[in-house]
Amino acid sequence: MMTRERFAETNWKMSYEEYQKCYCPECKKEECPHRGAIRRVPEIDGGLGLCPNLKGE
């Protein structure tokens, strides 16, 4: 996973904490339909915010 310092150099508008939640390689939900898809990221970054980890599921 990317460090907080490296994340600050990206163009993501979401917080680092949100990035950590929707980072698929660290996720235990292998069968998640949103795994690796842009729709998983928060709306502020062009996604749909569908990652279950962002929703607290």
C-alpha atoms as a PDB file:
ATOM      1  CA  MET A   1       0.000   0.000   0.000  1.00  0.00           C
ATOM      2  CA  MET A   2       1.113   3.526  -0.689  1.00  0.00           C
ATOM      3  CA  THR A   3       2.474   5.612   2.181  1.00  0.00           C
ATOM      4  CA  ARG A   4       0.709   8.738   3.414  1.00  0.00           C
ATOM      5  CA  GLU A   5       3.541  10.887   2.010  1.00  0.00           C
ATOM      6  CA  ARG A   6       3.339   9.278  -1.435  1.00  0.00           C
ATOM      7  CA  PHE A   7      -0.462   9.527  -1.391  1.00  0.00           C
ATOM      8  CA  ALA A   8      -0.164  13.298  -0.818  1.00  0.00           C
ATOM      9  CA  GLU A   9       1.652  13.528  -4.173  1.00  0.00           C
ATOM     10  CA  THR A  10      -1.251  11.951  -6.104  1.00  0.00           C
ATOM     11  CA  ASN A  11      -4.305  13.645  -7.598  1.00  0.00           C
ATOM     12  CA  TRP A  12      -6.786  11.759  -5.409  1.00  0.00           C
ATOM     13  CA  LYS A  13      -9.178  14.070  -3.575  1.00  0.00           C
ATOM     14  CA  MET A  14     -10.301  11.451  -1.050  1.00  0.00           C
ATOM     15  CA  SER A  15      -8.575  11.208   2.292  1.00  0.00           C
ATOM     16  CA  TYR A  16      -5.772   8.737   2.935  1.00  0.00           C
ATOM     17  CA  GLU A  17      -8.078   6.861   5.321  1.00  0.00           C
ATOM     18  CA  GLU A  18     -10.664   6.431   2.544  1.00  0.00           C
ATOM     19  CA  TYR A  19      -7.903   5.242   0.219  1.00  0.00           C
ATOM     20  CA  GLN A  20      -6.884   2.611   2.750  1.00  0.00           C
ATOM     21  CA  LYS A  21     -10.474   1.381   3.048  1.00  0.00           C
ATOM     22  CA  CYS A  22     -11.029   0.960  -0.697  1.00  0.00           C
ATOM     23  CA  TYR A  23      -7.573  -0.453  -1.554  1.00  0.00           C
ATOM     24  CA  CYS A  24      -8.523  -3.820  -3.045  1.00  0.00           C
ATOM     25  CA  PRO A  25      -5.259  -5.809  -2.642  1.00  0.00           C
ATOM     26  CA  GLU A  26      -5.582  -5.426   1.155  1.00  0.00           C
ATOM     27  CA  CYS A  27      -9.295  -6.331   1.213  1.00  0.00           C
ATOM     28  CA  LYS A  28     -10.455  -9.720   2.497  1.00  0.00           C
ATOM     29  CA  LYS A  29     -13.632  -9.706   0.348  1.00  0.00           C
ATOM     30  CA  GLU A  30     -12.310 -11.774  -2.584  1.00  0.00           C
ATOM     31  CA  GLU A  31     -15.716 -12.054  -4.285  1.00  0.00           C
ATOM     32  CA  CYS A  32     -16.590  -8.341  -4.107  1.00  0.00           C
ATOM     33  CA  PRO A  33     -18.175  -7.231  -7.421  1.00  0.00           C
ATOM     34  CA  HIS A  34     -16.496  -3.814  -7.079  1.00  0.00           C
ATOM     35  CA  ARG A  35     -12.992  -5.217  -6.601  1.00  0.00           C
ATOM     36  CA  GLY A  36     -10.531  -3.301  -8.782  1.00  0.00           C
ATOM     37  CA  ALA A  37     -13.243  -1.146 -10.390  1.00  0.00           C
ATOM     38  CA  ILE A  38     -13.269   2.640 -10.349  1.00  0.00           C
ATOM     39  CA  ARG A  39     -16.878   2.547  -9.082  1.00  0.00           C
ATOM     40  CA  ARG A  40     -15.502   1.515  -5.669  1.00  0.00           C
ATOM     41  CA  VAL A  41     -13.797   4.884  -5.008  1.00  0.00           C
ATOM     42  CA  PRO A  42     -15.625   7.867  -3.463  1.00  0.00           C
ATOM     43  CA  GLU A  43     -17.717  10.142  -5.679  1.00  0.00           C
ATOM     44  CA  ILE A  44     -15.298  13.023  -5.142  1.00  0.00           C
ATOM     45  CA  ASP A  45     -12.786  11.093  -7.288  1.00  0.00           C
ATOM     46  CA  GLY A  46     -15.215  10.046 -10.022  1.00  0.00           C
ATOM     47  CA  GLY A  47     -16.362   6.753  -8.566  1.00  0.00           C
ATOM     48  CA  LEU A  48     -19.693   5.739  -7.119  1.00  0.00           C
ATOM     49  CA  GLY A  49     -18.518   5.024  -3.581  1.00  0.00           C
ATOM     50  CA  LEU A  50     -19.734   1.429  -3.776  1.00  0.00           C
ATOM     51  CA  CYS A  51     -16.921  -0.182  -1.802  1.00  0.00           C
ATOM     52  CA  PRO A  52     -18.518  -1.985   1.167  1.00  0.00           C
ATOM     53  CA  ASN A  53     -15.588  -0.919   3.361  1.00  0.00           C
ATOM     54  CA  LEU A  54     -16.370   2.765   2.709  1.00  0.00           C
ATOM     55  CA  LYS A  55     -19.978   2.158   3.699  1.00  0.00           C
ATOM     56  CA  GLY A  56     -18.938   0.380   6.882  1.00  0.00           C
ATOM     57  CA  GLU A  57     -20.350  -3.002   5.854  1.00  0.00           C
END
